[in-house]
Amino acid sequence: MDCRELFALLSQYLDAELKPEACSEIERHLKDCAPCVAFLNTLRKTAELCRQYRPAEAPRPLRQEAREQLRAAYQAACLSRKSKVQGSKSKV
């Protein structure tokens, strides 16, 4: 097992969703790979922090005016991007 294969399975490994053979293979890899051990520890810590997170208060819904302003800004950004893409195509 190489590091990429291990990375793809780490979440399932931490959640005890893998067969014992796959767990054994991961553990063999971890014995000799410090970067993967560090990544595993970071993933464990991240999962723990996510489980502990409790938002203090749910945000209030946006006012209609704020939603309209956001929508207009998004549409303007899309139009600007579209014109830049079209302009760069005509230069090619």
PDB file of N, CA and C in Angstrom:
ATOM      1  N   MET A   1       0.856  -1.177   0.000  1.00  0.00           N
ATOM      2  CA  MET A   1       0.000   0.000   0.000  1.00  0.00           C
ATOM      3  C   MET A   1       0.897   1.233   0.000  1.00  0.00           C
ATOM      4  N   ASP A   2       0.599   2.168  -0.906  1.00  0.00           N
ATOM      5  CA  ASP A   2       1.367   3.409  -0.904  1.00  0.00           C
ATOM      6  C   ASP A   2       0.571   4.504  -0.186  1.00  0.00           C
ATOM      7  N   CYS A   3       1.184   5.659  -0.051  1.00  0.00           N
ATOM      8  CA  CYS A   3       0.572   6.752   0.721  1.00  0.00           C
ATOM      9  C   CYS A   3      -0.766   7.200   0.131  1.00  0.00           C
ATOM     10  N   ARG A   4      -0.862   7.276  -1.188  1.00  0.00           N
ATOM     11  CA  ARG A   4      -2.132   7.695  -1.809  1.00  0.00           C
ATOM     12  C   ARG A   4      -3.257   6.726  -1.488  1.00  0.00           C
ATOM     13  N   GLU A   5      -2.964   5.460  -1.575  1.00  0.00           N
ATOM     14  CA  GLU A   5      -3.985   4.462  -1.260  1.00  0.00           C
ATOM     15  C   GLU A   5      -4.410   4.582   0.204  1.00  0.00           C
ATOM     16  N   LEU A   6      -3.429   4.811   1.068  1.00  0.00           N
ATOM     17  CA  LEU A   6      -3.725   4.962   2.492  1.00  0.00           C
ATOM     18  C   LEU A   6      -4.601   6.201   2.735  1.00  0.00           C
ATOM     19  N   PHE A   7      -4.234   7.326   2.123  1.00  0.00           N
ATOM     20  CA  PHE A   7      -5.014   8.555   2.304  1.00  0.00           C
ATOM     21  C   PHE A   7      -6.468   8.336   1.923  1.00  0.00           C
ATOM     22  N   ALA A   8      -6.699   7.585   0.848  1.00  0.00           N
ATOM     23  CA  ALA A   8      -8.067   7.348   0.376  1.00  0.00           C
ATOM     24  C   ALA A   8      -8.893   6.536   1.367  1.00  0.00           C
ATOM     25  N   LEU A   9      -8.220   5.779   2.237  1.00  0.00           N
ATOM     26  CA  LEU A   9      -8.934   4.900   3.168  1.00  0.00           C
ATOM     27  C   LEU A   9      -8.948   5.384   4.613  1.00  0.00           C
ATOM     28  N   LEU A  10      -8.235   6.462   4.914  1.00  0.00           N
ATOM     29  CA  LEU A  10      -8.073   6.853   6.313  1.00  0.00           C
ATOM     30  C   LEU A  10      -9.377   7.187   7.025  1.00  0.00           C
ATOM     31  N   SER A  11     -10.282   7.867   6.377  1.00  0.00           N
ATOM     32  CA  SER A  11     -11.549   8.202   7.039  1.00  0.00           C
ATOM     33  C   SER A  11     -12.323   6.938   7.394  1.00  0.00           C
ATOM     34  N   GLN A  12     -12.351   5.997   6.458  1.00  0.00           N
ATOM     35  CA  GLN A  12     -13.030   4.726   6.733  1.00  0.00           C
ATOM     36  C   GLN A  12     -12.299   3.955   7.841  1.00  0.00           C
ATOM     37  N   TYR A  13     -10.979   4.062   7.850  1.00  0.00           N
ATOM     38  CA  TYR A  13     -10.181   3.399   8.887  1.00  0.00           C
ATOM     39  C   TYR A  13     -10.535   3.961  10.264  1.00  0.00           C
ATOM     40  N   LEU A  14     -10.582   5.285  10.359  1.00  0.00           N
ATOM     41  CA  LEU A  14     -10.907   5.916  11.641  1.00  0.00           C
ATOM     42  C   LEU A  14     -12.330   5.606  12.091  1.00  0.00           C
ATOM     43  N   ASP A  15     -13.222   5.425  11.144  1.00  0.00           N
ATOM     44  CA  ASP A  15     -14.622   5.119  11.464  1.00  0.00           C
ATOM     45  C   ASP A  15     -14.875   3.621  11.628  1.00  0.00           C
ATOM     46  N   ALA A  16     -13.803   2.816  11.587  1.00  0.00           N
ATOM     47  CA  ALA A  16     -13.893   1.358  11.740  1.00  0.00           C
ATOM     48  C   ALA A  16     -14.836   0.737  10.712  1.00  0.00           C
ATOM     49  N   GLU A  17     -14.739   1.202   9.465  1.00  0.00           N
ATOM     50  CA  GLU A  17     -15.604   0.708   8.395  1.00  0.00           C
ATOM     51  C   GLU A  17     -14.887  -0.259   7.460  1.00  0.00           C
ATOM     52  N   LEU A  18     -13.619  -0.546   7.724  1.00  0.00           N
ATOM     53  CA  LEU A  18     -12.842  -1.414   6.841  1.00  0.00           C
ATOM     54  C   LEU A  18     -12.758  -2.831   7.381  1.00  0.00           C
ATOM     55  N   LYS A  19     -12.499  -3.738   6.481  1.00  0.00           N
ATOM     56  CA  LYS A  19     -12.288  -5.134   6.876  1.00  0.00           C
ATOM     57  C   LYS A  19     -10.963  -5.235   7.635  1.00  0.00           C
ATOM     58  N   PRO A  20     -10.829  -6.226   8.503  1.00  0.00           N
ATOM     59  CA  PRO A  20      -9.601  -6.379   9.294  1.00  0.00           C
ATOM     60  C   PRO A  20      -8.332  -6.458   8.444  1.00  0.00           C
ATOM     61  N   GLU A  21      -8.421  -7.083   7.266  1.00  0.00           N
ATOM     62  CA  GLU A  21      -7.241  -7.194   6.400  1.00  0.00           C
ATOM     63  C   GLU A  21      -6.764  -5.818   5.950  1.00  0.00           C
ATOM     64  N   ALA A  22      -7.702  -4.949   5.586  1.00  0.00           N
ATOM     65  CA  ALA A  22      -7.349  -3.601   5.151  1.00  0.00           C
ATOM     66  C   ALA A  22      -6.760  -2.803   6.312  1.00  0.00           C
ATOM     67  N   CYS A  23      -7.316  -2.977   7.496  1.00  0.00           N
ATOM     68  CA  CYS A  23      -6.788  -2.290   8.683  1.00  0.00           C
ATOM     69  C   CYS A  23      -5.358  -2.743   8.972  1.00  0.00           C
ATOM     70  N   SER A  24      -5.103  -4.017   8.840  1.00  0.00           N
ATOM     71  CA  SER A  24      -3.760  -4.548   9.069  1.00  0.00           C
ATOM     72  C   SER A  24      -2.770  -3.972   8.062  1.00  0.00           C
ATOM     73  N   GLU A  25      -3.200  -3.862   6.821  1.00  0.00           N
ATOM     74  CA  GLU A  25      -2.329  -3.300   5.784  1.00  0.00           C
ATOM     75  C   GLU A  25      -2.022  -1.820   6.071  1.00  0.00           C
ATOM     76  N   ILE A  26      -3.025  -1.090   6.495  1.00  0.00           N
ATOM     77  CA  ILE A  26      -2.822   0.319   6.862  1.00  0.00           C
ATOM     78  C   ILE A  26      -1.856   0.418   8.036  1.00  0.00           C
ATOM     79  N   GLU A  27      -2.047  -0.399   9.027  1.00  0.00           N
ATOM     80  CA  GLU A  27      -1.189  -0.350  10.214  1.00  0.00           C
ATOM     81  C   GLU A  27       0.253  -0.727   9.880  1.00  0.00           C
ATOM     82  N   ARG A  28       0.456  -1.666   8.962  1.00  0.00           N
ATOM     83  CA  ARG A  28       1.826  -1.993   8.514  1.00  0.00           C
ATOM     84  C   ARG A  28       2.462  -0.780   7.852  1.00  0.00           C
ATOM     85  N   HIS A  29       1.700  -0.109   7.000  1.00  0.00           N
ATOM     86  CA  HIS A  29       2.216   1.085   6.324  1.00  0.00           C
ATOM     87  C   HIS A  29       2.566   2.172   7.339  1.00  0.00           C
ATOM     88  N   LEU A  30       1.701   2.374   8.316  1.00  0.00           N
ATOM     89  CA  LEU A  30       1.907   3.427   9.303  1.00  0.00           C
ATOM     90  C   LEU A  30       3.162   3.193  10.152  1.00  0.00           C
ATOM     91  N   LYS A  31       3.566   1.946  10.329  1.00  0.00           N
ATOM     92  CA  LYS A  31       4.766   1.644  11.125  1.00  0.00           C
ATOM     93  C   LYS A  31       6.015   2.249  10.513  1.00  0.00           C
ATOM     94  N   ASP A  32       6.024   2.396   9.190  1.00  0.00           N
ATOM     95  CA  ASP A  32       7.225   2.845   8.493  1.00  0.00           C
ATOM     96  C   ASP A  32       7.073   4.191   7.800  1.00  0.00           C
ATOM     97  N   CYS A  33       5.976   4.899   8.019  1.00  0.00           N
ATOM     98  CA  CYS A  33       5.745   6.138   7.258  1.00  0.00           C
ATOM     99  C   CYS A  33       5.326   7.281   8.188  1.00  0.00           C
ATOM    100  N   ALA A  34       6.296   8.042   8.633  1.00  0.00           N
ATOM    101  CA  ALA A  34       6.024   9.157   9.540  1.00  0.00           C
ATOM    102  C   ALA A  34       5.071  10.198   8.946  1.00  0.00           C
ATOM    103  N   PRO A  35       5.188  10.561   7.646  1.00  0.00           N
ATOM    104  CA  PRO A  35       4.233  11.535   7.096  1.00  0.00           C
ATOM    105  C   PRO A  35       2.784  11.056   7.159  1.00  0.00           C
ATOM    106  N   CYS A  36       2.571   9.766   6.939  1.00  0.00           N
ATOM    107  CA  CYS A  36       1.201   9.242   7.014  1.00  0.00           C
ATOM    108  C   CYS A  36       0.700   9.219   8.450  1.00  0.00           C
ATOM    109  N   VAL A  37       1.587   8.942   9.385  1.00  0.00           N
ATOM    110  CA  VAL A  37       1.201   8.983  10.804  1.00  0.00           C
ATOM    111  C   VAL A  37       0.801  10.409  11.174  1.00  0.00           C
ATOM    112  N   ALA A  38       1.584  11.386  10.709  1.00  0.00           N
ATOM    113  CA  ALA A  38       1.263  12.790  11.001  1.00  0.00           C
ATOM    114  C   ALA A  38      -0.087  13.162  10.387  1.00  0.00           C
ATOM    115  N   PHE A  39      -0.331  12.721   9.153  1.00  0.00           N
ATOM    116  CA  PHE A  39      -1.610  13.009   8.501  1.00  0.00           C
ATOM    117  C   PHE A  39      -2.762  12.353   9.252  1.00  0.00           C
ATOM    118  N   LEU A  40      -2.576  11.119   9.665  1.00  0.00           N
ATOM    119  CA  LEU A  40      -3.603  10.408  10.436  1.00  0.00           C
ATOM    120  C   LEU A  40      -3.919  11.155  11.732  1.00  0.00           C
ATOM    121  N   ASN A  41      -2.891  11.597  12.429  1.00  0.00           N
ATOM    122  CA  ASN A  41      -3.109  12.329  13.676  1.00  0.00           C
ATOM    123  C   ASN A  41      -3.845  13.644  13.437  1.00  0.00           C
ATOM    124  N   THR A  42      -3.514  14.313  12.358  1.00  0.00           N
ATOM    125  CA  THR A  42      -4.212  15.553  12.010  1.00  0.00           C
ATOM    126  C   THR A  42      -5.670  15.276  11.687  1.00  0.00           C
ATOM    127  N   LEU A  43      -5.913  14.207  10.951  1.00  0.00           N
ATOM    128  CA  LEU A  43      -7.291  13.841  10.611  1.00  0.00           C
ATOM    129  C   LEU A  43      -8.092  13.488  11.860  1.00  0.00           C
ATOM    130  N   ARG A  44      -7.473  12.757  12.778  1.00  0.00           N
ATOM    131  CA  ARG A  44      -8.138  12.434  14.052  1.00  0.00           C
ATOM    132  C   ARG A  44      -8.508  13.703  14.814  1.00  0.00           C
ATOM    133  N   LYS A  45      -7.560  14.628  14.891  1.00  0.00           N
ATOM    134  CA  LYS A  45      -7.790  15.878  15.622  1.00  0.00           C
ATOM    135  C   LYS A  45      -8.910  16.690  14.955  1.00  0.00           C
ATOM    136  N   THR A  46      -8.890  16.741  13.635  1.00  0.00           N
ATOM    137  CA  THR A  46      -9.926  17.476  12.898  1.00  0.00           C
ATOM    138  C   THR A  46     -11.307  16.877  13.162  1.00  0.00           C
ATOM    139  N   ALA A  47     -11.398  15.558  13.107  1.00  0.00           N
ATOM    140  CA  ALA A  47     -12.680  14.894  13.359  1.00  0.00           C
ATOM    141  C   ALA A  47     -13.158  15.177  14.779  1.00  0.00           C
ATOM    142  N   GLU A  48     -12.247  15.146  15.735  1.00  0.00           N
ATOM    143  CA  GLU A  48     -12.613  15.419  17.128  1.00  0.00           C
ATOM    144  C   GLU A  48     -13.109  16.857  17.296  1.00  0.00           C
ATOM    145  N   LEU A  49     -12.413  17.803  16.686  1.00  0.00           N
ATOM    146  CA  LEU A  49     -12.845  19.204  16.772  1.00  0.00           C
ATOM    147  C   LEU A  49     -14.216  19.398  16.133  1.00  0.00           C
ATOM    148  N   CYS A  50     -14.465  18.726  15.033  1.00  0.00           N
ATOM    149  CA  CYS A  50     -15.783  18.826  14.379  1.00  0.00           C
ATOM    150  C   CYS A  50     -16.881  18.262  15.266  1.00  0.00           C
ATOM    151  N   ARG A  51     -16.593  17.162  15.950  1.00  0.00           N
ATOM    152  CA  ARG A  51     -17.602  16.581  16.850  1.00  0.00           C
ATOM    153  C   ARG A  51     -17.883  17.504  18.037  1.00  0.00           C
ATOM    154  N   GLN A  52     -16.885  18.243  18.478  1.00  0.00           N
ATOM    155  CA  GLN A  52     -17.041  19.117  19.642  1.00  0.00           C
ATOM    156  C   GLN A  52     -17.698  20.449  19.303  1.00  0.00           C
ATOM    157  N   TYR A  53     -17.671  20.846  18.040  1.00  0.00           N
ATOM    158  CA  TYR A  53     -18.159  22.165  17.648  1.00  0.00           C
ATOM    159  C   TYR A  53     -19.653  22.302  17.896  1.00  0.00           C
ATOM    160  N   ARG A  54     -20.007  23.348  18.566  1.00  0.00           N
ATOM    161  CA  ARG A  54     -21.406  23.702  18.800  1.00  0.00           C
ATOM    162  C   ARG A  54     -21.547  25.204  18.548  1.00  0.00           C
ATOM    163  N   PRO A  55     -22.255  25.575  17.513  1.00  0.00           N
ATOM    164  CA  PRO A  55     -22.408  27.008  17.252  1.00  0.00           C
ATOM    165  C   PRO A  55     -23.148  27.683  18.409  1.00  0.00           C
ATOM    166  N   ALA A  56     -22.698  28.860  18.746  1.00  0.00           N
ATOM    167  CA  ALA A  56     -23.306  29.591  19.856  1.00  0.00           C
ATOM    168  C   ALA A  56     -24.751  29.969  19.527  1.00  0.00           C
ATOM    169  N   GLU A  57     -24.962  30.413  18.312  1.00  0.00           N
ATOM    170  CA  GLU A  57     -26.298  30.857  17.923  1.00  0.00           C
ATOM    171  C   GLU A  57     -26.417  30.764  16.415  1.00  0.00           C
ATOM    172  N   ALA A  58     -27.530  30.324  15.948  1.00  0.00           N
ATOM    173  CA  ALA A  58     -27.747  30.257  14.501  1.00  0.00           C
ATOM    174  C   ALA A  58     -27.865  31.681  13.958  1.00  0.00           C
ATOM    175  N   PRO A  59     -27.257  31.937  12.818  1.00  0.00           N
ATOM    176  CA  PRO A  59     -27.358  33.287  12.254  1.00  0.00           C
ATOM    177  C   PRO A  59     -28.786  33.592  11.818  1.00  0.00           C
ATOM    178  N   ARG A  60     -29.128  34.844  11.895  1.00  0.00           N
ATOM    179  CA  ARG A  60     -30.459  35.254  11.447  1.00  0.00           C
ATOM    180  C   ARG A  60     -30.510  35.218   9.927  1.00  0.00           C
ATOM    181  N   PRO A  61     -31.668  34.994   9.356  1.00  0.00           N
ATOM    182  CA  PRO A  61     -31.789  35.018   7.886  1.00  0.00           C
ATOM    183  C   PRO A  61     -31.451  36.404   7.352  1.00  0.00           C
ATOM    184  N   LEU A  62     -30.908  36.442   6.149  1.00  0.00           N
ATOM    185  CA  LEU A  62     -30.580  37.730   5.526  1.00  0.00           C
ATOM    186  C   LEU A  62     -31.862  38.480   5.167  1.00  0.00           C
ATOM    187  N   ARG A  63     -31.795  39.782   5.318  1.00  0.00           N
ATOM    188  CA  ARG A  63     -32.920  40.611   4.885  1.00  0.00           C
ATOM    189  C   ARG A  63     -33.052  40.516   3.365  1.00  0.00           C
ATOM    190  N   GLN A  64     -34.238  40.773   2.874  1.00  0.00           N
ATOM    191  CA  GLN A  64     -34.505  40.729   1.434  1.00  0.00           C
ATOM    192  C   GLN A  64     -33.553  41.652   0.686  1.00  0.00           C
ATOM    193  N   GLU A  65     -33.324  42.829   1.203  1.00  0.00           N
ATOM    194  CA  GLU A  65     -32.427  43.794   0.551  1.00  0.00           C
ATOM    195  C   GLU A  65     -31.005  43.227   0.427  1.00  0.00           C
ATOM    196  N   ALA A  66     -30.524  42.581   1.467  1.00  0.00           N
ATOM    197  CA  ALA A  66     -29.173  42.002   1.440  1.00  0.00           C
ATOM    198  C   ALA A  66     -29.110  40.864   0.422  1.00  0.00           C
ATOM    199  N   ARG A  67     -30.150  40.031   0.350  1.00  0.00           N
ATOM    200  CA  ARG A  67     -30.173  38.945  -0.634  1.00  0.00           C
ATOM    201  C   ARG A  67     -30.144  39.500  -2.051  1.00  0.00           C
ATOM    202  N   GLU A  68     -30.896  40.565  -2.293  1.00  0.00           N
ATOM    203  CA  GLU A  68     -30.923  41.179  -3.627  1.00  0.00           C
ATOM    204  C   GLU A  68     -29.570  41.764  -3.991  1.00  0.00           C
ATOM    205  N   GLN A  69     -28.891  42.386  -3.013  1.00  0.00           N
ATOM    206  CA  GLN A  69     -27.564  42.944  -3.269  1.00  0.00           C
ATOM    207  C   GLN A  69     -26.549  41.835  -3.581  1.00  0.00           C
ATOM    208  N   LEU A  70     -26.625  40.752  -2.843  1.00  0.00           N
ATOM    209  CA  LEU A  70     -25.732  39.620  -3.106  1.00  0.00           C
ATOM    210  C   LEU A  70     -25.988  39.020  -4.485  1.00  0.00           C
ATOM    211  N   ARG A  71     -27.250  38.871  -4.839  1.00  0.00           N
ATOM    212  CA  ARG A  71     -27.596  38.317  -6.145  1.00  0.00           C
ATOM    213  C   ARG A  71     -27.089  39.228  -7.266  1.00  0.00           C
ATOM    214  N   ALA A  72     -27.254  40.525  -7.117  1.00  0.00           N
ATOM    215  CA  ALA A  72     -26.794  41.470  -8.130  1.00  0.00           C
ATOM    216  C   ALA A  72     -25.267  41.435  -8.253  1.00  0.00           C
ATOM    217  N   ALA A  73     -24.575  41.366  -7.124  1.00  0.00           N
ATOM    218  CA  ALA A  73     -23.112  41.303  -7.151  1.00  0.00           C
ATOM    219  C   ALA A  73     -22.647  40.007  -7.820  1.00  0.00           C
ATOM    220  N   TYR A  74     -23.312  38.913  -7.535  1.00  0.00           N
ATOM    221  CA  TYR A  74     -22.957  37.627  -8.144  1.00  0.00           C
ATOM    222  C   TYR A  74     -23.176  37.687  -9.654  1.00  0.00           C
ATOM    223  N   GLN A  75     -24.308  38.219 -10.077  1.00  0.00           N
ATOM    224  CA  GLN A  75     -24.598  38.307 -11.508  1.00  0.00           C
ATOM    225  C   GLN A  75     -23.594  39.209 -12.219  1.00  0.00           C
ATOM    226  N   ALA A  76     -23.219  40.310 -11.580  1.00  0.00           N
ATOM    227  CA  ALA A  76     -22.224  41.206 -12.170  1.00  0.00           C
ATOM    228  C   ALA A  76     -20.871  40.508 -12.293  1.00  0.00           C
ATOM    229  N   ALA A  77     -20.507  39.751 -11.284  1.00  0.00           N
ATOM    230  CA  ALA A  77     -19.236  39.020 -11.325  1.00  0.00           C
ATOM    231  C   ALA A  77     -19.259  37.973 -12.432  1.00  0.00           C
ATOM    232  N   CYS A  78     -20.385  37.298 -12.590  1.00  0.00           N
ATOM    233  CA  CYS A  78     -20.499  36.296 -13.653  1.00  0.00           C
ATOM    234  C   CYS A  78     -20.384  36.942 -15.028  1.00  0.00           C
ATOM    235  N   LEU A  79     -21.053  38.069 -15.216  1.00  0.00           N
ATOM    236  CA  LEU A  79     -20.975  38.767 -16.501  1.00  0.00           C
ATOM    237  C   LEU A  79     -19.558  39.255 -16.775  1.00  0.00           C
ATOM    238  N   SER A  80     -18.904  39.776 -15.759  1.00  0.00           N
ATOM    239  CA  SER A  80     -17.532  40.257 -15.909  1.00  0.00           C
ATOM    240  C   SER A  80     -16.605  39.113 -16.289  1.00  0.00           C
ATOM    241  N   ARG A  81     -16.764  38.002 -15.633  1.00  0.00           N
ATOM    242  CA  ARG A  81     -15.920  36.834 -15.932  1.00  0.00           C
ATOM    243  C   ARG A  81     -16.184  36.339 -17.355  1.00  0.00           C
ATOM    244  N   LYS A  82     -17.463  36.299 -17.721  1.00  0.00           N
ATOM    245  CA  LYS A  82     -17.822  35.820 -19.052  1.00  0.00           C
ATOM    246  C   LYS A  82     -17.209  36.715 -20.126  1.00  0.00           C
ATOM    247  N   SER A  83     -17.256  38.034 -19.924  1.00  0.00           N
ATOM    248  CA  SER A  83     -16.696  38.937 -20.927  1.00  0.00           C
ATOM    249  C   SER A  83     -15.169  38.822 -20.981  1.00  0.00           C
ATOM    250  N   LYS A  84     -14.521  38.566 -19.841  1.00  0.00           N
ATOM    251  CA  LYS A  84     -13.071  38.380 -19.837  1.00  0.00           C
ATOM    252  C   LYS A  84     -12.688  37.110 -20.580  1.00  0.00           C
ATOM    253  N   VAL A  85     -13.452  36.043 -20.383  1.00  0.00           N
ATOM    254  CA  VAL A  85     -13.176  34.776 -21.051  1.00  0.00           C
ATOM    255  C   VAL A  85     -13.373  34.933 -22.542  1.00  0.00           C
ATOM    256  N   GLN A  86     -14.437  35.591 -22.940  1.00  0.00           N
ATOM    257  CA  GLN A  86     -14.699  35.797 -24.362  1.00  0.00           C
ATOM    258  C   GLN A  86     -13.626  36.687 -24.971  1.00  0.00           C
ATOM    259  N   GLY A  87     -13.183  37.695 -24.227  1.00  0.00           N
ATOM    260  CA  GLY A  87     -12.133  38.590 -24.723  1.00  0.00           C
ATOM    261  C   GLY A  87     -10.821  37.871 -24.905  1.00  0.00           C
ATOM    262  N   SER A  88     -10.493  36.967 -23.995  1.00  0.00           N
ATOM    263  CA  SER A  88      -9.222  36.225 -24.113  1.00  0.00           C
ATOM    264  C   SER A  88      -9.283  35.225 -25.263  1.00  0.00           C
ATOM    265  N   LYS A  89     -10.464  34.708 -25.585  1.00  0.00           N
ATOM    266  CA  LYS A  89     -10.605  33.758 -26.695  1.00  0.00           C
ATOM    267  C   LYS A  89     -10.397  34.462 -28.019  1.00  0.00           C
ATOM    268  N   SER A  90     -10.845  35.717 -28.126  1.00  0.00           N
ATOM    269  CA  SER A  90     -10.706  36.444 -29.383  1.00  0.00           C
ATOM    270  C   SER A  90      -9.259  36.843 -29.638  1.00  0.00           C
ATOM    271  N   LYS A  91      -8.420  36.878 -28.597  1.00  0.00           N
ATOM    272  CA  LYS A  91      -7.011  37.229 -28.746  1.00  0.00           C
ATOM    273  C   LYS A  91      -6.180  36.041 -29.200  1.00  0.00           C
ATOM    274  N   VAL A  92      -6.734  34.837 -29.051  1.00  0.00           N
ATOM    275  CA  VAL A  92      -5.973  33.631 -29.374  1.00  0.00           C
ATOM    276  C   VAL A  92      -5.995  33.335 -30.842  1.00  0.00           C
TER     277      VAL A  92
END
